[in-house]
Amino acid sequence: YEQPALQAISRSTSYQTARNTAEDIFTVLDNVAGSNLPTATGPLYVRIDAVQSPFQIDRDDNDRFRIGVNFNVIKTTG
């Protein structure tokens, strides 16, 4: 098994839009278990768990809000 971590970052000029997108990512990926992603023949993701709820990172150089969410992943190799 591989145990990578991943971070998804949503950004928008609107805080609420960035937050809503990050919440959607959180909802879709948290507690994924036993799924082949991105297709039925892709690697088996044994588990994907959110480390915490989405959080504000900062604003980028274009003054867009950046909201992140971190995940721990367990997946098969190959």
PDB file of N, CA and C in Angstrom:
ATOM      1  N   TYR A   1       0.817  -1.190   0.000  1.00  0.00           N
ATOM      2  CA  TYR A   1       0.000   0.000   0.000  1.00  0.00           C
ATOM      3  C   TYR A   1       0.861   1.255   0.000  1.00  0.00           C
ATOM      4  N   GLU A   2       0.361   2.292  -0.626  1.00  0.00           N
ATOM      5  CA  GLU A   2       0.957   3.623  -0.528  1.00  0.00           C
ATOM      6  C   GLU A   2       0.091   4.446   0.409  1.00  0.00           C
ATOM      7  N   GLN A   3       0.712   5.388   1.098  1.00  0.00           N
ATOM      8  CA  GLN A   3      -0.026   6.231   2.032  1.00  0.00           C
ATOM      9  C   GLN A   3       0.270   7.712   1.773  1.00  0.00           C
ATOM     10  N   PRO A   4      -0.131   8.196   0.597  1.00  0.00           N
ATOM     11  CA  PRO A   4       0.101   9.608   0.309  1.00  0.00           C
ATOM     12  C   PRO A   4      -0.893  10.487   1.073  1.00  0.00           C
ATOM     13  N   ALA A   5      -0.597  11.749   1.093  1.00  0.00           N
ATOM     14  CA  ALA A   5      -1.546  12.735   1.602  1.00  0.00           C
ATOM     15  C   ALA A   5      -1.885  13.647   0.428  1.00  0.00           C
ATOM     16  N   LEU A   6      -3.017  14.296   0.504  1.00  0.00           N
ATOM     17  CA  LEU A   6      -3.354  15.247  -0.553  1.00  0.00           C
ATOM     18  C   LEU A   6      -4.010  16.468   0.060  1.00  0.00           C
ATOM     19  N   GLN A   7      -3.868  17.571  -0.636  1.00  0.00           N
ATOM     20  CA  GLN A   7      -4.509  18.809  -0.226  1.00  0.00           C
ATOM     21  C   GLN A   7      -5.265  19.351  -1.422  1.00  0.00           C
ATOM     22  N   ALA A   8      -6.520  19.675  -1.214  1.00  0.00           N
ATOM     23  CA  ALA A   8      -7.327  20.336  -2.227  1.00  0.00           C
ATOM     24  C   ALA A   8      -7.456  21.799  -1.825  1.00  0.00           C
ATOM     25  N   ILE A   9      -7.267  22.689  -2.793  1.00  0.00           N
ATOM     26  CA  ILE A   9      -7.374  24.123  -2.532  1.00  0.00           C
ATOM     27  C   ILE A   9      -8.396  24.710  -3.487  1.00  0.00           C
ATOM     28  N   SER A  10      -9.355  25.404  -2.920  1.00  0.00           N
ATOM     29  CA  SER A  10     -10.365  26.112  -3.686  1.00  0.00           C
ATOM     30  C   SER A  10     -10.056  27.599  -3.592  1.00  0.00           C
ATOM     31  N   ARG A  11     -10.222  28.324  -4.691  1.00  0.00           N
ATOM     32  CA  ARG A  11      -9.988  29.769  -4.629  1.00  0.00           C
ATOM     33  C   ARG A  11     -11.046  30.506  -5.421  1.00  0.00           C
ATOM     34  N   SER A  12     -11.371  31.686  -4.937  1.00  0.00           N
ATOM     35  CA  SER A  12     -12.382  32.514  -5.573  1.00  0.00           C
ATOM     36  C   SER A  12     -12.280  33.930  -5.022  1.00  0.00           C
ATOM     37  N   THR A  13     -12.800  34.889  -5.785  1.00  0.00           N
ATOM     38  CA  THR A  13     -12.876  36.262  -5.273  1.00  0.00           C
ATOM     39  C   THR A  13     -13.927  36.367  -4.176  1.00  0.00           C
ATOM     40  N   SER A  14     -14.824  35.396  -4.126  1.00  0.00           N
ATOM     41  CA  SER A  14     -15.862  35.337  -3.088  1.00  0.00           C
ATOM     42  C   SER A  14     -15.471  34.300  -2.037  1.00  0.00           C
ATOM     43  N   TYR A  15     -15.404  34.722  -0.786  1.00  0.00           N
ATOM     44  CA  TYR A  15     -15.091  33.778   0.293  1.00  0.00           C
ATOM     45  C   TYR A  15     -16.097  32.635   0.291  1.00  0.00           C
ATOM     46  N   GLN A  16     -17.383  32.949   0.168  1.00  0.00           N
ATOM     47  CA  GLN A  16     -18.421  31.922   0.268  1.00  0.00           C
ATOM     48  C   GLN A  16     -18.321  30.903  -0.864  1.00  0.00           C
ATOM     49  N   THR A  17     -18.005  31.363  -2.068  1.00  0.00           N
ATOM     50  CA  THR A  17     -17.845  30.440  -3.192  1.00  0.00           C
ATOM     51  C   THR A  17     -16.664  29.496  -2.959  1.00  0.00           C
ATOM     52  N   ALA A  18     -15.539  30.058  -2.525  1.00  0.00           N
ATOM     53  CA  ALA A  18     -14.366  29.224  -2.230  1.00  0.00           C
ATOM     54  C   ALA A  18     -14.682  28.240  -1.120  1.00  0.00           C
ATOM     55  N   ARG A  19     -15.379  28.702  -0.092  1.00  0.00           N
ATOM     56  CA  ARG A  19     -15.733  27.839   1.041  1.00  0.00           C
ATOM     57  C   ARG A  19     -16.675  26.717   0.600  1.00  0.00           C
ATOM     58  N   ASN A  20     -17.692  27.069  -0.183  1.00  0.00           N
ATOM     59  CA  ASN A  20     -18.664  26.061  -0.645  1.00  0.00           C
ATOM     60  C   ASN A  20     -17.991  24.981  -1.490  1.00  0.00           C
ATOM     61  N   THR A  21     -17.070  25.368  -2.357  1.00  0.00           N
ATOM     62  CA  THR A  21     -16.362  24.394  -3.178  1.00  0.00           C
ATOM     63  C   THR A  21     -15.512  23.474  -2.313  1.00  0.00           C
ATOM     64  N   ALA A  22     -14.807  24.042  -1.339  1.00  0.00           N
ATOM     65  CA  ALA A  22     -13.994  23.231  -0.429  1.00  0.00           C
ATOM     66  C   ALA A  22     -14.877  22.275   0.376  1.00  0.00           C
ATOM     67  N   GLU A  23     -16.034  22.739   0.808  1.00  0.00           N
ATOM     68  CA  GLU A  23     -16.976  21.872   1.539  1.00  0.00           C
ATOM     69  C   GLU A  23     -17.463  20.736   0.648  1.00  0.00           C
ATOM     70  N   ASP A  24     -17.720  21.023  -0.630  1.00  0.00           N
ATOM     71  CA  ASP A  24     -18.139  19.973  -1.565  1.00  0.00           C
ATOM     72  C   ASP A  24     -17.046  18.921  -1.723  1.00  0.00           C
ATOM     73  N   ILE A  25     -15.792  19.359  -1.857  1.00  0.00           N
ATOM     74  CA  ILE A  25     -14.665  18.425  -1.962  1.00  0.00           C
ATOM     75  C   ILE A  25     -14.572  17.581  -0.696  1.00  0.00           C
ATOM     76  N   PHE A  26     -14.692  18.223   0.444  1.00  0.00           N
ATOM     77  CA  PHE A  26     -14.666  17.529   1.736  1.00  0.00           C
ATOM     78  C   PHE A  26     -15.737  16.439   1.781  1.00  0.00           C
ATOM     79  N   THR A  27     -16.952  16.786   1.371  1.00  0.00           N
ATOM     80  CA  THR A  27     -18.078  15.853   1.420  1.00  0.00           C
ATOM     81  C   THR A  27     -17.860  14.662   0.491  1.00  0.00           C
ATOM     82  N   VAL A  28     -17.344  14.910  -0.696  1.00  0.00           N
ATOM     83  CA  VAL A  28     -17.151  13.836  -1.676  1.00  0.00           C
ATOM     84  C   VAL A  28     -16.025  12.888  -1.264  1.00  0.00           C
ATOM     85  N   LEU A  29     -14.909  13.436  -0.768  1.00  0.00           N
ATOM     86  CA  LEU A  29     -13.740  12.590  -0.516  1.00  0.00           C
ATOM     87  C   LEU A  29     -13.659  12.003   0.887  1.00  0.00           C
ATOM     88  N   ASP A  30     -14.210  12.678   1.901  1.00  0.00           N
ATOM     89  CA  ASP A  30     -14.074  12.166   3.269  1.00  0.00           C
ATOM     90  C   ASP A  30     -14.790  10.835   3.417  1.00  0.00           C
ATOM     91  N   ASN A  31     -14.092   9.875   3.960  1.00  0.00           N
ATOM     92  CA  ASN A  31     -14.609   8.528   4.220  1.00  0.00           C
ATOM     93  C   ASN A  31     -14.825   7.681   2.976  1.00  0.00           C
ATOM     94  N   VAL A  32     -14.139   8.020   1.876  1.00  0.00           N
ATOM     95  CA  VAL A  32     -14.162   7.127   0.720  1.00  0.00           C
ATOM     96  C   VAL A  32     -13.497   5.830   1.152  1.00  0.00           C
ATOM     97  N   ALA A  33     -14.097   4.712   0.815  1.00  0.00           N
ATOM     98  CA  ALA A  33     -13.517   3.414   1.191  1.00  0.00           C
ATOM     99  C   ALA A  33     -13.795   2.408   0.081  1.00  0.00           C
ATOM    100  N   GLY A  34     -12.761   1.675  -0.281  1.00  0.00           N
ATOM    101  CA  GLY A  34     -12.920   0.585  -1.243  1.00  0.00           C
ATOM    102  C   GLY A  34     -13.367   1.035  -2.611  1.00  0.00           C
ATOM    103  N   SER A  35     -12.831   2.150  -3.127  1.00  0.00           N
ATOM    104  CA  SER A  35     -13.236   2.666  -4.437  1.00  0.00           C
ATOM    105  C   SER A  35     -12.062   2.678  -5.399  1.00  0.00           C
ATOM    106  N   ASN A  36     -12.346   2.319  -6.644  1.00  0.00           N
ATOM    107  CA  ASN A  36     -11.347   2.451  -7.700  1.00  0.00           C
ATOM    108  C   ASN A  36     -11.539   3.819  -8.334  1.00  0.00           C
ATOM    109  N   LEU A  37     -10.511   4.650  -8.260  1.00  0.00           N
ATOM    110  CA  LEU A  37     -10.597   5.995  -8.802  1.00  0.00           C
ATOM    111  C   LEU A  37      -9.430   6.226  -9.743  1.00  0.00           C
ATOM    112  N   PRO A  38      -9.521   7.012 -10.772  1.00  0.00           N
ATOM    113  CA  PRO A  38     -10.680   7.786 -11.188  1.00  0.00           C
ATOM    114  C   PRO A  38     -11.696   6.979 -11.982  1.00  0.00           C
ATOM    115  N   THR A  39     -11.349   5.730 -12.354  1.00  0.00           N
ATOM    116  CA  THR A  39     -12.286   4.880 -13.101  1.00  0.00           C
ATOM    117  C   THR A  39     -12.373   3.526 -12.406  1.00  0.00           C
ATOM    118  N   ALA A  40     -13.257   2.698 -12.880  1.00  0.00           N
ATOM    119  CA  ALA A  40     -13.442   1.366 -12.277  1.00  0.00           C
ATOM    120  C   ALA A  40     -12.188   0.508 -12.381  1.00  0.00           C
ATOM    121  N   THR A  41     -11.284   0.840 -13.309  1.00  0.00           N
ATOM    122  CA  THR A  41     -10.052   0.061 -13.456  1.00  0.00           C
ATOM    123  C   THR A  41      -8.845   0.766 -12.838  1.00  0.00           C
ATOM    124  N   GLY A  42      -9.073   1.906 -12.180  1.00  0.00           N
ATOM    125  CA  GLY A  42      -7.981   2.645 -11.551  1.00  0.00           C
ATOM    126  C   GLY A  42      -7.528   1.974 -10.263  1.00  0.00           C
ATOM    127  N   PRO A  43      -6.549   2.559  -9.591  1.00  0.00           N
ATOM    128  CA  PRO A  43      -6.059   1.981  -8.335  1.00  0.00           C
ATOM    129  C   PRO A  43      -7.162   1.914  -7.285  1.00  0.00           C
ATOM    130  N   LEU A  44      -7.055   0.944  -6.411  1.00  0.00           N
ATOM    131  CA  LEU A  44      -8.026   0.804  -5.327  1.00  0.00           C
ATOM    132  C   LEU A  44      -7.638   1.755  -4.188  1.00  0.00           C
ATOM    133  N   TYR A  45      -8.535   2.643  -3.862  1.00  0.00           N
ATOM    134  CA  TYR A  45      -8.345   3.529  -2.717  1.00  0.00           C
ATOM    135  C   TYR A  45      -9.008   2.864  -1.523  1.00  0.00           C
ATOM    136  N   VAL A  46      -8.179   2.328  -0.642  1.00  0.00           N
ATOM    137  CA  VAL A  46      -8.672   1.615   0.523  1.00  0.00           C
ATOM    138  C   VAL A  46      -9.409   2.590   1.430  1.00  0.00           C
ATOM    139  N   ARG A  47      -8.845   3.788   1.573  1.00  0.00           N
ATOM    140  CA  ARG A  47      -9.450   4.761   2.480  1.00  0.00           C
ATOM    141  C   ARG A  47      -8.960   6.160   2.146  1.00  0.00           C
ATOM    142  N   ILE A  48      -9.857   7.138   2.189  1.00  0.00           N
ATOM    143  CA  ILE A  48      -9.521   8.555   2.130  1.00  0.00           C
ATOM    144  C   ILE A  48     -10.236   9.217   3.299  1.00  0.00           C
ATOM    145  N   ASP A  49      -9.470   9.851   4.163  1.00  0.00           N
ATOM    146  CA  ASP A  49     -10.038  10.500   5.346  1.00  0.00           C
ATOM    147  C   ASP A  49      -9.557  11.934   5.442  1.00  0.00           C
ATOM    148  N   ALA A  50     -10.492  12.840   5.683  1.00  0.00           N
ATOM    149  CA  ALA A  50     -10.126  14.240   5.907  1.00  0.00           C
ATOM    150  C   ALA A  50      -9.372  14.359   7.222  1.00  0.00           C
ATOM    151  N   VAL A  51      -8.332  15.178   7.218  1.00  0.00           N
ATOM    152  CA  VAL A  51      -7.558  15.437   8.431  1.00  0.00           C
ATOM    153  C   VAL A  51      -8.308  16.434   9.316  1.00  0.00           C
ATOM    154  N   GLN A  52      -8.975  17.403   8.683  1.00  0.00           N
ATOM    155  CA  GLN A  52      -9.770  18.395   9.404  1.00  0.00           C
ATOM    156  C   GLN A  52     -10.768  19.005   8.421  1.00  0.00           C
ATOM    157  N   SER A  53     -11.637  19.838   8.936  1.00  0.00           N
ATOM    158  CA  SER A  53     -12.594  20.546   8.089  1.00  0.00           C
ATOM    159  C   SER A  53     -11.853  21.568   7.228  1.00  0.00           C
ATOM    160  N   PRO A  54     -12.486  22.036   6.144  1.00  0.00           N
ATOM    161  CA  PRO A  54     -11.859  23.076   5.320  1.00  0.00           C
ATOM    162  C   PRO A  54     -11.484  24.302   6.153  1.00  0.00           C
ATOM    163  N   PHE A  55     -10.378  24.943   5.750  1.00  0.00           N
ATOM    164  CA  PHE A  55      -9.856  26.090   6.496  1.00  0.00           C
ATOM    165  C   PHE A  55      -9.324  27.138   5.524  1.00  0.00           C
ATOM    166  N   GLN A  56      -9.354  28.403   5.944  1.00  0.00           N
ATOM    167  CA  GLN A  56      -8.822  29.458   5.104  1.00  0.00           C
ATOM    168  C   GLN A  56      -7.305  29.453   5.181  1.00  0.00           C
ATOM    169  N   ILE A  57      -6.666  29.437   4.013  1.00  0.00           N
ATOM    170  CA  ILE A  57      -5.208  29.467   3.948  1.00  0.00           C
ATOM    171  C   ILE A  57      -4.728  30.914   3.943  1.00  0.00           C
ATOM    172  N   ASP A  58      -5.156  31.666   2.939  1.00  0.00           N
ATOM    173  CA  ASP A  58      -4.751  33.059   2.782  1.00  0.00           C
ATOM    174  C   ASP A  58      -5.467  33.620   1.568  1.00  0.00           C
ATOM    175  N   ARG A  59      -4.995  34.741   1.085  1.00  0.00           N
ATOM    176  CA  ARG A  59      -5.429  35.266  -0.207  1.00  0.00           C
ATOM    177  C   ARG A  59      -4.231  35.216  -1.134  1.00  0.00           C
ATOM    178  N   ASP A  60      -4.497  34.896  -2.401  1.00  0.00           N
ATOM    179  CA  ASP A  60      -3.387  34.800  -3.341  1.00  0.00           C
ATOM    180  C   ASP A  60      -2.990  36.189  -3.847  1.00  0.00           C
ATOM    181  N   ASP A  61      -2.057  36.224  -4.798  1.00  0.00           N
ATOM    182  CA  ASP A  61      -1.554  37.504  -5.317  1.00  0.00           C
ATOM    183  C   ASP A  61      -2.624  38.317  -6.037  1.00  0.00           C
ATOM    184  N   ASN A  62      -3.713  37.666  -6.429  1.00  0.00           N
ATOM    185  CA  ASN A  62      -4.828  38.360  -7.083  1.00  0.00           C
ATOM    186  C   ASN A  62      -5.976  38.618  -6.115  1.00  0.00           C
ATOM    187  N   ASP A  63      -5.689  38.522  -4.824  1.00  0.00           N
ATOM    188  CA  ASP A  63      -6.634  38.807  -3.748  1.00  0.00           C
ATOM    189  C   ASP A  63      -7.823  37.846  -3.715  1.00  0.00           C
ATOM    190  N   ARG A  64      -7.631  36.622  -4.227  1.00  0.00           N
ATOM    191  CA  ARG A  64      -8.681  35.603  -4.147  1.00  0.00           C
ATOM    192  C   ARG A  64      -8.509  34.819  -2.849  1.00  0.00           C
ATOM    193  N   PHE A  65      -9.620  34.465  -2.256  1.00  0.00           N
ATOM    194  CA  PHE A  65      -9.600  33.633  -1.048  1.00  0.00           C
ATOM    195  C   PHE A  65      -9.137  32.229  -1.434  1.00  0.00           C
ATOM    196  N   ARG A  66      -8.311  31.632  -0.577  1.00  0.00           N
ATOM    197  CA  ARG A  66      -7.883  30.242  -0.768  1.00  0.00           C
ATOM    198  C   ARG A  66      -8.309  29.448   0.462  1.00  0.00           C
ATOM    199  N   ILE A  67      -9.120  28.421   0.208  1.00  0.00           N
ATOM    200  CA  ILE A  67      -9.623  27.540   1.261  1.00  0.00           C
ATOM    201  C   ILE A  67      -9.078  26.144   0.975  1.00  0.00           C
ATOM    202  N   GLY A  68      -8.485  25.514   1.985  1.00  0.00           N
ATOM    203  CA  GLY A  68      -7.877  24.205   1.791  1.00  0.00           C
ATOM    204  C   GLY A  68      -8.516  23.140   2.658  1.00  0.00           C
ATOM    205  N   VAL A  69      -8.299  21.908   2.258  1.00  0.00           N
ATOM    206  CA  VAL A  69      -8.698  20.759   3.066  1.00  0.00           C
ATOM    207  C   VAL A  69      -7.681  19.646   2.792  1.00  0.00           C
ATOM    208  N   ASN A  70      -7.211  19.003   3.856  1.00  0.00           N
ATOM    209  CA  ASN A  70      -6.181  17.971   3.768  1.00  0.00           C
ATOM    210  C   ASN A  70      -6.777  16.588   4.011  1.00  0.00           C
ATOM    211  N   PHE A  71      -6.201  15.593   3.304  1.00  0.00           N
ATOM    212  CA  PHE A  71      -6.678  14.225   3.416  1.00  0.00           C
ATOM    213  C   PHE A  71      -5.499  13.265   3.579  1.00  0.00           C
ATOM    214  N   ASN A  72      -5.694  12.211   4.343  1.00  0.00           N
ATOM    215  CA  ASN A  72      -4.789  11.069   4.374  1.00  0.00           C
ATOM    216  C   ASN A  72      -5.393  10.002   3.479  1.00  0.00           C
ATOM    217  N   VAL A  73      -4.532   9.310   2.742  1.00  0.00           N
ATOM    218  CA  VAL A  73      -4.989   8.349   1.740  1.00  0.00           C
ATOM    219  C   VAL A  73      -4.249   7.029   1.927  1.00  0.00           C
ATOM    220  N   ILE A  74      -4.957   5.938   1.744  1.00  0.00           N
ATOM    221  CA  ILE A  74      -4.345   4.612   1.665  1.00  0.00           C
ATOM    222  C   ILE A  74      -4.816   4.012   0.345  1.00  0.00           C
ATOM    223  N   LYS A  75      -3.856   3.660  -0.526  1.00  0.00           N
ATOM    224  CA  LYS A  75      -4.229   3.114  -1.838  1.00  0.00           C
ATOM    225  C   LYS A  75      -3.274   1.995  -2.221  1.00  0.00           C
ATOM    226  N   THR A  76      -3.763   1.154  -3.122  1.00  0.00           N
ATOM    227  CA  THR A  76      -2.912   0.084  -3.623  1.00  0.00           C
ATOM    228  C   THR A  76      -1.915   0.660  -4.625  1.00  0.00           C
ATOM    229  N   THR A  77      -0.806   0.000  -4.799  1.00  0.00           N
ATOM    230  CA  THR A  77       0.177   0.439  -5.775  1.00  0.00           C
ATOM    231  C   THR A  77      -0.162  -0.162  -7.131  1.00  0.00           C
ATOM    232  N   GLY A  78       0.258   0.515  -8.174  1.00  0.00           N
ATOM    233  CA  GLY A  78       0.093  -0.024  -9.525  1.00  0.00           C
ATOM    234  C   GLY A  78      -1.212   0.152 -10.159  1.00  0.00           C
TER     235      GLY A  78
END
